[in-house]
Amino acid sequence: MMKSNFLFTDEEKRQIKEAVASAESRTSGEIVPYFVQQSDNYEVAPLRGALIFIVGALFTSGMLSYTWALPFPITILEIIFFTLAMGVIGFILARYIPTLTRILTPAELMRQSVVQKALNAFLEEEVFNTENRTGILIFVSHLEHMVEVIGDSGINASVKPEEWESVVRLIIKGIRAGKPAEGLLEGVHLCGKLLERSGINKPPQNPNELSDDVRLG
Protein backbone atom coordinates (compact mmCIF):
# COMPACT_ATOMS: atom_id res chain seq x y z
CA MET A 1 0.00 0.00 0.00
CA MET A 2 1.32 3.42 -0.98
CA LYS A 3 1.95 5.68 2.00
CA SER A 4 3.58 8.69 0.36
CA ASN A 5 0.80 10.75 -1.24
CA PHE A 6 2.39 13.80 -2.86
CA LEU A 7 0.45 15.03 -5.89
CA PHE A 8 1.58 17.47 -8.57
CA THR A 9 -0.73 20.36 -9.36
CA ASP A 10 -1.64 21.03 -12.99
CA GLU A 11 0.54 24.15 -12.85
CA GLU A 12 3.54 22.16 -11.60
CA LYS A 13 3.06 19.60 -14.37
CA ARG A 14 2.95 22.41 -16.91
CA GLN A 15 6.13 24.00 -15.53
CA ILE A 16 8.01 20.70 -15.62
CA LYS A 17 6.85 20.03 -19.18
CA GLU A 18 8.03 23.48 -20.26
CA ALA A 19 11.38 22.96 -18.52
CA VAL A 20 11.88 19.68 -20.39
CA ALA A 21 10.98 21.32 -23.71
CA SER A 22 13.37 24.20 -22.98
CA ALA A 23 16.26 21.86 -22.15
CA GLU A 24 15.60 19.76 -25.24
CA SER A 25 15.44 22.83 -27.49
CA ARG A 26 19.16 23.42 -26.91
CA THR A 27 20.43 19.82 -27.14
CA SER A 28 19.62 16.49 -28.74
CA GLY A 29 18.81 15.00 -25.35
CA GLU A 30 15.33 13.58 -24.74
CA ILE A 31 14.51 13.99 -21.04
CA VAL A 32 11.89 11.77 -19.42
CA PRO A 33 10.91 12.83 -15.87
CA TYR A 34 9.30 9.98 -13.94
CA PHE A 35 7.87 10.29 -10.42
CA VAL A 36 6.65 7.49 -8.13
CA GLN A 37 5.37 7.67 -4.57
CA GLN A 38 7.62 4.75 -3.59
CA SER A 39 9.40 1.86 -5.28
CA ASP A 40 8.23 -0.97 -3.03
CA ASN A 41 5.84 -1.70 -0.15
CA TYR A 42 8.76 -2.62 2.17
CA GLU A 43 6.97 -5.18 4.33
CA VAL A 44 10.08 -5.42 6.50
CA ALA A 45 9.31 -1.98 7.98
CA PRO A 46 5.99 -2.85 9.71
CA LEU A 47 7.46 -6.14 10.93
CA ARG A 48 10.37 -4.28 12.49
CA GLY A 49 7.97 -1.71 13.92
CA ALA A 50 5.90 -4.45 15.52
CA LEU A 51 9.00 -6.13 16.97
CA ILE A 52 10.31 -2.87 18.46
CA PHE A 53 6.98 -2.09 20.10
CA ILE A 54 6.64 -5.65 21.43
CA VAL A 55 10.10 -5.54 22.98
CA GLY A 56 9.34 -2.12 24.42
CA ALA A 57 6.04 -3.35 25.85
CA LEU A 58 7.66 -6.39 27.46
CA PHE A 59 10.43 -4.25 28.95
CA THR A 60 7.94 -1.70 30.28
CA SER A 61 5.69 -4.38 31.76
CA GLY A 62 8.65 -6.09 33.38
CA MET A 63 9.98 -2.88 34.90
CA LEU A 64 6.57 -1.84 36.23
CA SER A 65 6.01 -5.25 37.78
CA TYR A 66 9.53 -5.44 39.23
CA THR A 67 9.44 -1.98 40.79
CA TRP A 68 5.83 -2.17 41.90
CA ALA A 69 5.27 1.17 40.19
CA LEU A 70 1.63 0.39 39.48
CA PRO A 71 -0.94 0.77 42.27
CA PHE A 72 -2.46 -2.55 41.25
CA PRO A 73 -1.07 -5.93 40.20
CA ILE A 74 -1.10 -6.97 36.55
CA THR A 75 -1.69 -10.51 35.39
CA ILE A 76 0.20 -12.48 32.75
CA LEU A 77 -2.89 -12.32 30.52
CA GLU A 78 -2.94 -8.52 30.76
CA ILE A 79 0.76 -8.36 29.91
CA ILE A 80 0.19 -10.56 26.85
CA PHE A 81 -2.75 -8.43 25.71
CA PHE A 82 -0.80 -5.20 26.22
CA THR A 83 2.21 -6.58 24.36
CA LEU A 84 0.15 -7.76 21.39
CA ALA A 85 -1.72 -4.45 21.25
CA MET A 86 1.55 -2.53 21.17
CA GLY A 87 2.83 -4.83 18.43
CA VAL A 88 -0.22 -4.05 16.30
CA ILE A 89 0.28 -0.32 16.91
CA GLY A 90 3.94 -0.55 15.90
CA PHE A 91 3.00 -2.49 12.76
CA ILE A 92 0.39 0.08 11.70
CA LEU A 93 2.56 3.11 12.41
CA ALA A 94 5.51 1.72 10.44
CA ARG A 95 3.26 0.81 7.53
CA TYR A 96 1.45 4.11 7.16
CA ILE A 97 3.92 6.78 8.30
CA PRO A 98 6.47 7.37 5.51
CA THR A 99 9.23 8.60 7.82
CA LEU A 100 9.00 5.45 9.96
CA THR A 101 8.90 3.26 6.86
CA ARG A 102 12.08 4.89 5.61
CA ILE A 103 13.85 4.65 8.99
CA LEU A 104 12.95 1.00 9.52
CA THR A 105 13.82 -0.19 6.01
CA PRO A 106 17.47 -1.08 5.28
CA ALA A 107 19.01 1.56 3.01
CA GLU A 108 20.44 -1.08 0.69
CA LEU A 109 17.00 -2.64 0.20
CA MET A 110 15.55 0.75 -0.71
CA ARG A 111 18.44 1.42 -3.09
CA GLN A 112 17.94 -1.92 -4.85
CA SER A 113 14.19 -1.34 -5.15
CA VAL A 114 14.63 2.16 -6.58
CA VAL A 115 17.26 1.05 -9.09
CA GLN A 116 15.10 -1.86 -10.27
CA LYS A 117 12.01 0.34 -10.54
CA ALA A 118 14.01 2.90 -12.50
CA LEU A 119 15.31 0.26 -14.92
CA ASN A 120 11.77 -1.00 -15.44
CA ALA A 121 10.59 2.55 -16.11
CA PHE A 122 13.41 3.04 -18.64
CA LEU A 123 12.14 0.04 -20.60
CA GLU A 124 8.41 0.70 -20.16
CA GLU A 125 8.73 4.30 -21.34
CA GLU A 126 11.05 3.20 -24.18
CA VAL A 127 13.61 5.84 -23.30
CA PHE A 128 15.96 3.95 -25.63
CA ASN A 129 13.65 4.61 -28.58
CA THR A 130 15.40 7.66 -30.04
CA GLU A 131 17.32 7.89 -33.29
CA ASN A 132 20.68 8.72 -31.71
CA ARG A 133 20.07 6.94 -28.38
CA THR A 134 19.95 10.24 -26.50
CA GLY A 135 17.19 9.52 -23.99
CA ILE A 136 17.63 10.39 -20.30
CA LEU A 137 15.39 9.10 -17.53
CA ILE A 138 15.13 11.19 -14.36
CA PHE A 139 13.49 8.78 -11.93
CA VAL A 140 12.29 10.16 -8.59
CA SER A 141 11.10 7.90 -5.76
CA HIS A 142 9.47 10.11 -3.15
CA LEU A 143 9.30 7.99 0.02
CA GLU A 144 12.92 6.85 -0.19
CA HIS A 145 14.25 10.33 -1.03
CA MET A 146 16.17 8.72 -3.88
CA VAL A 147 16.75 9.67 -7.51
CA GLU A 148 18.19 7.71 -10.42
CA VAL A 149 19.33 9.35 -13.64
CA ILE A 150 19.82 6.83 -16.44
CA GLY A 151 21.17 7.90 -19.81
CA ASP A 152 21.06 5.88 -23.00
CA SER A 153 24.24 4.95 -24.87
CA GLY A 154 24.35 8.19 -26.87
CA ILE A 155 24.30 10.19 -23.64
CA ASN A 156 26.69 7.94 -21.74
CA ALA A 157 29.30 8.43 -24.44
CA SER A 158 29.59 12.08 -23.38
CA VAL A 159 28.31 12.23 -19.79
CA LYS A 160 29.79 10.08 -17.04
CA PRO A 161 27.33 8.58 -14.53
CA GLU A 162 28.90 10.50 -11.62
CA GLU A 163 28.24 13.80 -13.42
CA TRP A 164 24.53 13.33 -12.76
CA GLU A 165 25.11 13.59 -9.01
CA SER A 166 24.54 17.34 -9.03
CA VAL A 167 21.10 16.75 -10.57
CA VAL A 168 20.34 14.02 -8.04
CA ARG A 169 21.36 16.19 -5.07
CA LEU A 170 19.24 19.10 -6.28
CA ILE A 171 16.09 16.99 -6.59
CA ILE A 172 16.63 15.29 -3.23
CA LYS A 173 17.10 18.71 -1.63
CA GLY A 174 13.67 19.67 -2.93
CA ILE A 175 12.09 16.47 -1.60
CA ARG A 176 13.56 16.96 1.87
CA ALA A 177 12.30 20.54 1.88
CA GLY A 178 8.80 19.29 1.13
CA LYS A 179 8.93 20.67 -2.43
CA PRO A 180 9.38 17.67 -4.75
CA ALA A 181 7.96 19.47 -7.79
CA GLU A 182 10.34 22.40 -7.32
CA GLY A 183 13.26 20.03 -6.89
CA LEU A 184 12.38 18.10 -10.06
CA LEU A 185 11.94 21.35 -11.98
CA GLU A 186 15.39 22.59 -10.94
CA GLY A 187 16.85 19.16 -11.68
CA VAL A 188 15.51 19.27 -15.24
CA HIS A 189 16.99 22.75 -15.77
CA LEU A 190 20.38 21.57 -14.49
CA CYS A 191 20.18 18.45 -16.65
CA GLY A 192 19.78 20.63 -19.74
CA LYS A 193 22.80 22.74 -18.79
CA LEU A 194 24.89 19.61 -18.17
CA LEU A 195 23.96 18.24 -21.59
CA GLU A 196 25.02 21.53 -23.20
CA ARG A 197 28.35 21.58 -21.35
CA SER A 198 28.99 17.99 -22.41
CA GLY A 199 28.70 18.90 -26.08
CA ILE A 200 25.44 17.12 -26.76
CA ASN A 201 24.37 19.74 -29.26
CA LYS A 202 21.09 20.22 -31.04
CA PRO A 203 21.20 18.75 -34.58
CA PRO A 204 19.68 20.60 -37.58
CA GLN A 205 16.71 18.27 -37.47
CA ASN A 206 15.64 17.73 -33.87
CA PRO A 207 12.14 16.25 -33.59
CA ASN A 208 10.62 15.70 -30.16
CA GLU A 209 10.88 11.91 -29.98
CA LEU A 210 9.66 11.38 -26.39
CA SER A 211 6.83 13.15 -24.59
CA ASP A 212 7.84 16.04 -22.33
CA ASP A 213 5.17 15.27 -19.71
CA VAL A 214 6.14 14.07 -16.25
CA ARG A 215 5.20 10.41 -15.84
CA LEU A 216 3.47 9.41 -12.62
CA GLY A 217 3.96 5.80 -11.55
C-alpha atoms as a PDB file:
ATOM      1  CA  MET A   1       0.000   0.000   0.000  1.00  0.00           C
ATOM      2  CA  MET A   2       1.316   3.423  -0.981  1.00  0.00           C
ATOM      3  CA  LYS A   3       1.955   5.681   1.996  1.00  0.00           C
ATOM      4  CA  SER A   4       3.575   8.690   0.357  1.00  0.00           C
ATOM      5  CA  ASN A   5       0.805  10.752  -1.242  1.00  0.00           C
ATOM      6  CA  PHE A   6       2.391  13.798  -2.859  1.00  0.00           C
ATOM      7  CA  LEU A   7       0.451  15.032  -5.886  1.00  0.00           C
ATOM      8  CA  PHE A   8       1.580  17.466  -8.574  1.00  0.00           C
ATOM      9  CA  THR A   9      -0.728  20.358  -9.361  1.00  0.00           C
ATOM     10  CA  ASP A  10      -1.637  21.034 -12.991  1.00  0.00           C
ATOM     11  CA  GLU A  11       0.541  24.147 -12.852  1.00  0.00           C
ATOM     12  CA  GLU A  12       3.545  22.161 -11.597  1.00  0.00           C
ATOM     13  CA  LYS A  13       3.059  19.598 -14.368  1.00  0.00           C
ATOM     14  CA  ARG A  14       2.952  22.411 -16.909  1.00  0.00           C
ATOM     15  CA  GLN A  15       6.126  24.001 -15.528  1.00  0.00           C
ATOM     16  CA  ILE A  16       8.012  20.695 -15.619  1.00  0.00           C
ATOM     17  CA  LYS A  17       6.852  20.031 -19.176  1.00  0.00           C
ATOM     18  CA  GLU A  18       8.029  23.482 -20.263  1.00  0.00           C
ATOM     19  CA  ALA A  19      11.383  22.959 -18.520  1.00  0.00           C
ATOM     20  CA  VAL A  20      11.875  19.675 -20.389  1.00  0.00           C
ATOM     21  CA  ALA A  21      10.982  21.322 -23.705  1.00  0.00           C
ATOM     22  CA  SER A  22      13.368  24.200 -22.983  1.00  0.00           C
ATOM     23  CA  ALA A  23      16.256  21.862 -22.151  1.00  0.00           C
ATOM     24  CA  GLU A  24      15.603  19.762 -25.239  1.00  0.00           C
ATOM     25  CA  SER A  25      15.442  22.832 -27.494  1.00  0.00           C
ATOM     26  CA  ARG A  26      19.156  23.418 -26.909  1.00  0.00           C
ATOM     27  CA  THR A  27      20.425  19.825 -27.138  1.00  0.00           C
ATOM     28  CA  SER A  28      19.617  16.492 -28.742  1.00  0.00           C
ATOM     29  CA  GLY A  29      18.810  14.997 -25.346  1.00  0.00           C
ATOM     30  CA  GLU A  30      15.330  13.581 -24.740  1.00  0.00           C
ATOM     31  CA  ILE A  31      14.512  13.985 -21.038  1.00  0.00           C
ATOM     32  CA  VAL A  32      11.893  11.766 -19.422  1.00  0.00           C
ATOM     33  CA  PRO A  33      10.914  12.834 -15.871  1.00  0.00           C
ATOM     34  CA  TYR A  34       9.301   9.984 -13.938  1.00  0.00           C
ATOM     35  CA  PHE A  35       7.867  10.287 -10.416  1.00  0.00           C
ATOM     36  CA  VAL A  36       6.651   7.492  -8.129  1.00  0.00           C
ATOM     37  CA  GLN A  37       5.374   7.669  -4.567  1.00  0.00           C
ATOM     38  CA  GLN A  38       7.624   4.753  -3.588  1.00  0.00           C
ATOM     39  CA  SER A  39       9.396   1.863  -5.285  1.00  0.00           C
ATOM     40  CA  ASP A  40       8.230  -0.971  -3.032  1.00  0.00           C
ATOM     41  CA  ASN A  41       5.844  -1.699  -0.154  1.00  0.00           C
ATOM     42  CA  TYR A  42       8.758  -2.618   2.165  1.00  0.00           C
ATOM     43  CA  GLU A  43       6.968  -5.183   4.326  1.00  0.00           C
ATOM     44  CA  VAL A  44      10.075  -5.421   6.499  1.00  0.00           C
ATOM     45  CA  ALA A  45       9.306  -1.984   7.977  1.00  0.00           C
ATOM     46  CA  PRO A  46       5.992  -2.848   9.709  1.00  0.00           C
ATOM     47  CA  LEU A  47       7.464  -6.137  10.935  1.00  0.00           C
ATOM     48  CA  ARG A  48      10.365  -4.277  12.488  1.00  0.00           C
ATOM     49  CA  GLY A  49       7.974  -1.713  13.916  1.00  0.00           C
ATOM     50  CA  ALA A  50       5.896  -4.450  15.524  1.00  0.00           C
ATOM     51  CA  LEU A  51       9.002  -6.125  16.971  1.00  0.00           C
ATOM     52  CA  ILE A  52      10.309  -2.871  18.456  1.00  0.00           C
ATOM     53  CA  PHE A  53       6.976  -2.086  20.101  1.00  0.00           C
ATOM     54  CA  ILE A  54       6.641  -5.649  21.426  1.00  0.00           C
ATOM     55  CA  VAL A  55      10.101  -5.544  22.981  1.00  0.00           C
ATOM     56  CA  GLY A  56       9.335  -2.117  24.416  1.00  0.00           C
ATOM     57  CA  ALA A  57       6.035  -3.346  25.851  1.00  0.00           C
ATOM     58  CA  LEU A  58       7.659  -6.388  27.464  1.00  0.00           C
ATOM     59  CA  PHE A  59      10.427  -4.252  28.945  1.00  0.00           C
ATOM     60  CA  THR A  60       7.938  -1.702  30.280  1.00  0.00           C
ATOM     61  CA  SER A  61       5.690  -4.381  31.755  1.00  0.00           C
ATOM     62  CA  GLY A  62       8.648  -6.092  33.376  1.00  0.00           C
ATOM     63  CA  MET A  63       9.979  -2.883  34.904  1.00  0.00           C
ATOM     64  CA  LEU A  64       6.574  -1.843  36.229  1.00  0.00           C
ATOM     65  CA  SER A  65       6.011  -5.250  37.779  1.00  0.00           C
ATOM     66  CA  TYR A  66       9.531  -5.443  39.231  1.00  0.00           C
ATOM     67  CA  THR A  67       9.443  -1.983  40.788  1.00  0.00           C
ATOM     68  CA  TRP A  68       5.826  -2.165  41.905  1.00  0.00           C
ATOM     69  CA  ALA A  69       5.272   1.174  40.192  1.00  0.00           C
ATOM     70  CA  LEU A  70       1.628   0.388  39.477  1.00  0.00           C
ATOM     71  CA  PRO A  71      -0.938   0.771  42.272  1.00  0.00           C
ATOM     72  CA  PHE A  72      -2.463  -2.547  41.254  1.00  0.00           C
ATOM     73  CA  PRO A  73      -1.069  -5.935  40.204  1.00  0.00           C
ATOM     74  CA  ILE A  74      -1.101  -6.968  36.550  1.00  0.00           C
ATOM     75  CA  THR A  75      -1.685 -10.509  35.385  1.00  0.00           C
ATOM     76  CA  ILE A  76       0.202 -12.482  32.750  1.00  0.00           C
ATOM     77  CA  LEU A  77      -2.885 -12.318  30.523  1.00  0.00           C
ATOM     78  CA  GLU A  78      -2.938  -8.520  30.757  1.00  0.00           C
ATOM     79  CA  ILE A  79       0.762  -8.360  29.909  1.00  0.00           C
ATOM     80  CA  ILE A  80       0.192 -10.559  26.850  1.00  0.00           C
ATOM     81  CA  PHE A  81      -2.753  -8.434  25.715  1.00  0.00           C
ATOM     82  CA  PHE A  82      -0.799  -5.197  26.222  1.00  0.00           C
ATOM     83  CA  THR A  83       2.208  -6.583  24.359  1.00  0.00           C
ATOM     84  CA  LEU A  84       0.146  -7.756  21.388  1.00  0.00           C
ATOM     85  CA  ALA A  85      -1.721  -4.449  21.248  1.00  0.00           C
ATOM     86  CA  MET A  86       1.547  -2.533  21.168  1.00  0.00           C
ATOM     87  CA  GLY A  87       2.831  -4.833  18.432  1.00  0.00           C
ATOM     88  CA  VAL A  88      -0.215  -4.048  16.305  1.00  0.00           C
ATOM     89  CA  ILE A  89       0.282  -0.321  16.906  1.00  0.00           C
ATOM     90  CA  GLY A  90       3.943  -0.553  15.899  1.00  0.00           C
ATOM     91  CA  PHE A  91       2.997  -2.494  12.760  1.00  0.00           C
ATOM     92  CA  ILE A  92       0.385   0.076  11.701  1.00  0.00           C
ATOM     93  CA  LEU A  93       2.562   3.114  12.405  1.00  0.00           C
ATOM     94  CA  ALA A  94       5.509   1.720  10.444  1.00  0.00           C
ATOM     95  CA  ARG A  95       3.260   0.806   7.527  1.00  0.00           C
ATOM     96  CA  TYR A  96       1.446   4.112   7.159  1.00  0.00           C
ATOM     97  CA  ILE A  97       3.917   6.777   8.305  1.00  0.00           C
ATOM     98  CA  PRO A  98       6.473   7.366   5.515  1.00  0.00           C
ATOM     99  CA  THR A  99       9.227   8.600   7.823  1.00  0.00           C
ATOM    100  CA  LEU A 100       9.002   5.454   9.964  1.00  0.00           C
ATOM    101  CA  THR A 101       8.903   3.263   6.865  1.00  0.00           C
ATOM    102  CA  ARG A 102      12.081   4.888   5.608  1.00  0.00           C
ATOM    103  CA  ILE A 103      13.854   4.649   8.986  1.00  0.00           C
ATOM    104  CA  LEU A 104      12.947   0.999   9.524  1.00  0.00           C
ATOM    105  CA  THR A 105      13.819  -0.191   6.011  1.00  0.00           C
ATOM    106  CA  PRO A 106      17.470  -1.079   5.278  1.00  0.00           C
ATOM    107  CA  ALA A 107      19.007   1.556   3.012  1.00  0.00           C
ATOM    108  CA  GLU A 108      20.437  -1.078   0.691  1.00  0.00           C
ATOM    109  CA  LEU A 109      16.999  -2.642   0.198  1.00  0.00           C
ATOM    110  CA  MET A 110      15.554   0.753  -0.711  1.00  0.00           C
ATOM    111  CA  ARG A 111      18.436   1.422  -3.094  1.00  0.00           C
ATOM    112  CA  GLN A 112      17.939  -1.923  -4.850  1.00  0.00           C
ATOM    113  CA  SER A 113      14.194  -1.336  -5.145  1.00  0.00           C
ATOM    114  CA  VAL A 114      14.627   2.160  -6.577  1.00  0.00           C
ATOM    115  CA  VAL A 115      17.259   1.048  -9.090  1.00  0.00           C
ATOM    116  CA  GLN A 116      15.098  -1.863 -10.269  1.00  0.00           C
ATOM    117  CA  LYS A 117      12.007   0.338 -10.539  1.00  0.00           C
ATOM    118  CA  ALA A 118      14.006   2.900 -12.504  1.00  0.00           C
ATOM    119  CA  LEU A 119      15.312   0.263 -14.917  1.00  0.00           C
ATOM    120  CA  ASN A 120      11.771  -1.005 -15.441  1.00  0.00           C
ATOM    121  CA  ALA A 121      10.587   2.554 -16.113  1.00  0.00           C
ATOM    122  CA  PHE A 122      13.410   3.041 -18.636  1.00  0.00           C
ATOM    123  CA  LEU A 123      12.137   0.043 -20.595  1.00  0.00           C
ATOM    124  CA  GLU A 124       8.414   0.701 -20.161  1.00  0.00           C
ATOM    125  CA  GLU A 125       8.726   4.301 -21.343  1.00  0.00           C
ATOM    126  CA  GLU A 126      11.049   3.204 -24.176  1.00  0.00           C
ATOM    127  CA  VAL A 127      13.613   5.838 -23.296  1.00  0.00           C
ATOM    128  CA  PHE A 128      15.956   3.949 -25.630  1.00  0.00           C
ATOM    129  CA  ASN A 129      13.646   4.612 -28.582  1.00  0.00           C
ATOM    130  CA  THR A 130      15.401   7.662 -30.036  1.00  0.00           C
ATOM    131  CA  GLU A 131      17.320   7.887 -33.292  1.00  0.00           C
ATOM    132  CA  ASN A 132      20.675   8.721 -31.707  1.00  0.00           C
ATOM    133  CA  ARG A 133      20.066   6.941 -28.382  1.00  0.00           C
ATOM    134  CA  THR A 134      19.947  10.244 -26.500  1.00  0.00           C
ATOM    135  CA  GLY A 135      17.185   9.520 -23.985  1.00  0.00           C
ATOM    136  CA  ILE A 136      17.635  10.387 -20.297  1.00  0.00           C
ATOM    137  CA  LEU A 137      15.390   9.101 -17.534  1.00  0.00           C
ATOM    138  CA  ILE A 138      15.126  11.191 -14.364  1.00  0.00           C
ATOM    139  CA  PHE A 139      13.491   8.780 -11.932  1.00  0.00           C
ATOM    140  CA  VAL A 140      12.295  10.163  -8.591  1.00  0.00           C
ATOM    141  CA  SER A 141      11.099   7.899  -5.757  1.00  0.00           C
ATOM    142  CA  HIS A 142       9.467  10.111  -3.148  1.00  0.00           C
ATOM    143  CA  LEU A 143       9.298   7.993   0.016  1.00  0.00           C
ATOM    144  CA  GLU A 144      12.917   6.852  -0.188  1.00  0.00           C
ATOM    145  CA  HIS A 145      14.246  10.332  -1.035  1.00  0.00           C
ATOM    146  CA  MET A 146      16.169   8.716  -3.878  1.00  0.00           C
ATOM    147  CA  VAL A 147      16.746   9.673  -7.508  1.00  0.00           C
ATOM    148  CA  GLU A 148      18.190   7.712 -10.415  1.00  0.00           C
ATOM    149  CA  VAL A 149      19.332   9.346 -13.641  1.00  0.00           C
ATOM    150  CA  ILE A 150      19.816   6.830 -16.443  1.00  0.00           C
ATOM    151  CA  GLY A 151      21.172   7.902 -19.808  1.00  0.00           C
ATOM    152  CA  ASP A 152      21.055   5.882 -23.003  1.00  0.00           C
ATOM    153  CA  SER A 153      24.237   4.954 -24.872  1.00  0.00           C
ATOM    154  CA  GLY A 154      24.353   8.187 -26.871  1.00  0.00           C
ATOM    155  CA  ILE A 155      24.298  10.193 -23.642  1.00  0.00           C
ATOM    156  CA  ASN A 156      26.690   7.945 -21.736  1.00  0.00           C
ATOM    157  CA  ALA A 157      29.303   8.433 -24.439  1.00  0.00           C
ATOM    158  CA  SER A 158      29.586  12.084 -23.376  1.00  0.00           C
ATOM    159  CA  VAL A 159      28.307  12.232 -19.793  1.00  0.00           C
ATOM    160  CA  LYS A 160      29.792  10.085 -17.045  1.00  0.00           C
ATOM    161  CA  PRO A 161      27.328   8.579 -14.526  1.00  0.00           C
ATOM    162  CA  GLU A 162      28.898  10.501 -11.625  1.00  0.00           C
ATOM    163  CA  GLU A 163      28.237  13.797 -13.423  1.00  0.00           C
ATOM    164  CA  TRP A 164      24.528  13.333 -12.759  1.00  0.00           C
ATOM    165  CA  GLU A 165      25.115  13.588  -9.007  1.00  0.00           C
ATOM    166  CA  SER A 166      24.539  17.335  -9.028  1.00  0.00           C
ATOM    167  CA  VAL A 167      21.102  16.749 -10.569  1.00  0.00           C
ATOM    168  CA  VAL A 168      20.335  14.023  -8.037  1.00  0.00           C
ATOM    169  CA  ARG A 169      21.358  16.189  -5.072  1.00  0.00           C
ATOM    170  CA  LEU A 170      19.244  19.102  -6.278  1.00  0.00           C
ATOM    171  CA  ILE A 171      16.095  16.992  -6.591  1.00  0.00           C
ATOM    172  CA  ILE A 172      16.632  15.289  -3.229  1.00  0.00           C
ATOM    173  CA  LYS A 173      17.101  18.706  -1.635  1.00  0.00           C
ATOM    174  CA  GLY A 174      13.670  19.670  -2.927  1.00  0.00           C
ATOM    175  CA  ILE A 175      12.086  16.467  -1.605  1.00  0.00           C
ATOM    176  CA  ARG A 176      13.557  16.959   1.866  1.00  0.00           C
ATOM    177  CA  ALA A 177      12.304  20.545   1.883  1.00  0.00           C
ATOM    178  CA  GLY A 178       8.799  19.294   1.129  1.00  0.00           C
ATOM    179  CA  LYS A 179       8.932  20.671  -2.427  1.00  0.00           C
ATOM    180  CA  PRO A 180       9.383  17.669  -4.755  1.00  0.00           C
ATOM    181  CA  ALA A 181       7.957  19.472  -7.787  1.00  0.00           C
ATOM    182  CA  GLU A 182      10.339  22.402  -7.322  1.00  0.00           C
ATOM    183  CA  GLY A 183      13.264  20.025  -6.891  1.00  0.00           C
ATOM    184  CA  LEU A 184      12.380  18.104 -10.057  1.00  0.00           C
ATOM    185  CA  LEU A 185      11.938  21.354 -11.982  1.00  0.00           C
ATOM    186  CA  GLU A 186      15.386  22.590 -10.943  1.00  0.00           C
ATOM    187  CA  GLY A 187      16.853  19.163 -11.684  1.00  0.00           C
ATOM    188  CA  VAL A 188      15.512  19.267 -15.245  1.00  0.00           C
ATOM    189  CA  HIS A 189      16.992  22.748 -15.775  1.00  0.00           C
ATOM    190  CA  LEU A 190      20.383  21.567 -14.494  1.00  0.00           C
ATOM    191  CA  CYS A 191      20.183  18.445 -16.651  1.00  0.00           C
ATOM    192  CA  GLY A 192      19.778  20.628 -19.737  1.00  0.00           C
ATOM    193  CA  LYS A 193      22.804  22.737 -18.786  1.00  0.00           C
ATOM    194  CA  LEU A 194      24.892  19.615 -18.174  1.00  0.00           C
ATOM    195  CA  LEU A 195      23.964  18.241 -21.595  1.00  0.00           C
ATOM    196  CA  GLU A 196      25.018  21.525 -23.202  1.00  0.00           C
ATOM    197  CA  ARG A 197      28.351  21.584 -21.350  1.00  0.00           C
ATOM    198  CA  SER A 198      28.990  17.995 -22.406  1.00  0.00           C
ATOM    199  CA  GLY A 199      28.703  18.903 -26.075  1.00  0.00           C
ATOM    200  CA  ILE A 200      25.436  17.120 -26.761  1.00  0.00           C
ATOM    201  CA  ASN A 201      24.371  19.736 -29.263  1.00  0.00           C
ATOM    202  CA  LYS A 202      21.087  20.219 -31.040  1.00  0.00           C
ATOM    203  CA  PRO A 203      21.200  18.753 -34.580  1.00  0.00           C
ATOM    204  CA  PRO A 204      19.685  20.599 -37.585  1.00  0.00           C
ATOM    205  CA  GLN A 205      16.708  18.274 -37.471  1.00  0.00           C
ATOM    206  CA  ASN A 206      15.644  17.726 -33.865  1.00  0.00           C
ATOM    207  CA  PRO A 207      12.137  16.247 -33.592  1.00  0.00           C
ATOM    208  CA  ASN A 208      10.619  15.702 -30.157  1.00  0.00           C
ATOM    209  CA  GLU A 209      10.884  11.909 -29.976  1.00  0.00           C
ATOM    210  CA  LEU A 210       9.661  11.377 -26.393  1.00  0.00           C
ATOM    211  CA  SER A 211       6.827  13.149 -24.587  1.00  0.00           C
ATOM    212  CA  ASP A 212       7.840  16.042 -22.329  1.00  0.00           C
ATOM    213  CA  ASP A 213       5.172  15.267 -19.711  1.00  0.00           C
ATOM    214  CA  VAL A 214       6.141  14.073 -16.245  1.00  0.00           C
ATOM    215  CA  ARG A 215       5.205  10.412 -15.842  1.00  0.00           C
ATOM    216  CA  LEU A 216       3.473   9.407 -12.622  1.00  0.00           C
ATOM    217  CA  GLY A 217       3.960   5.800 -11.552  1.00  0.00           C
END
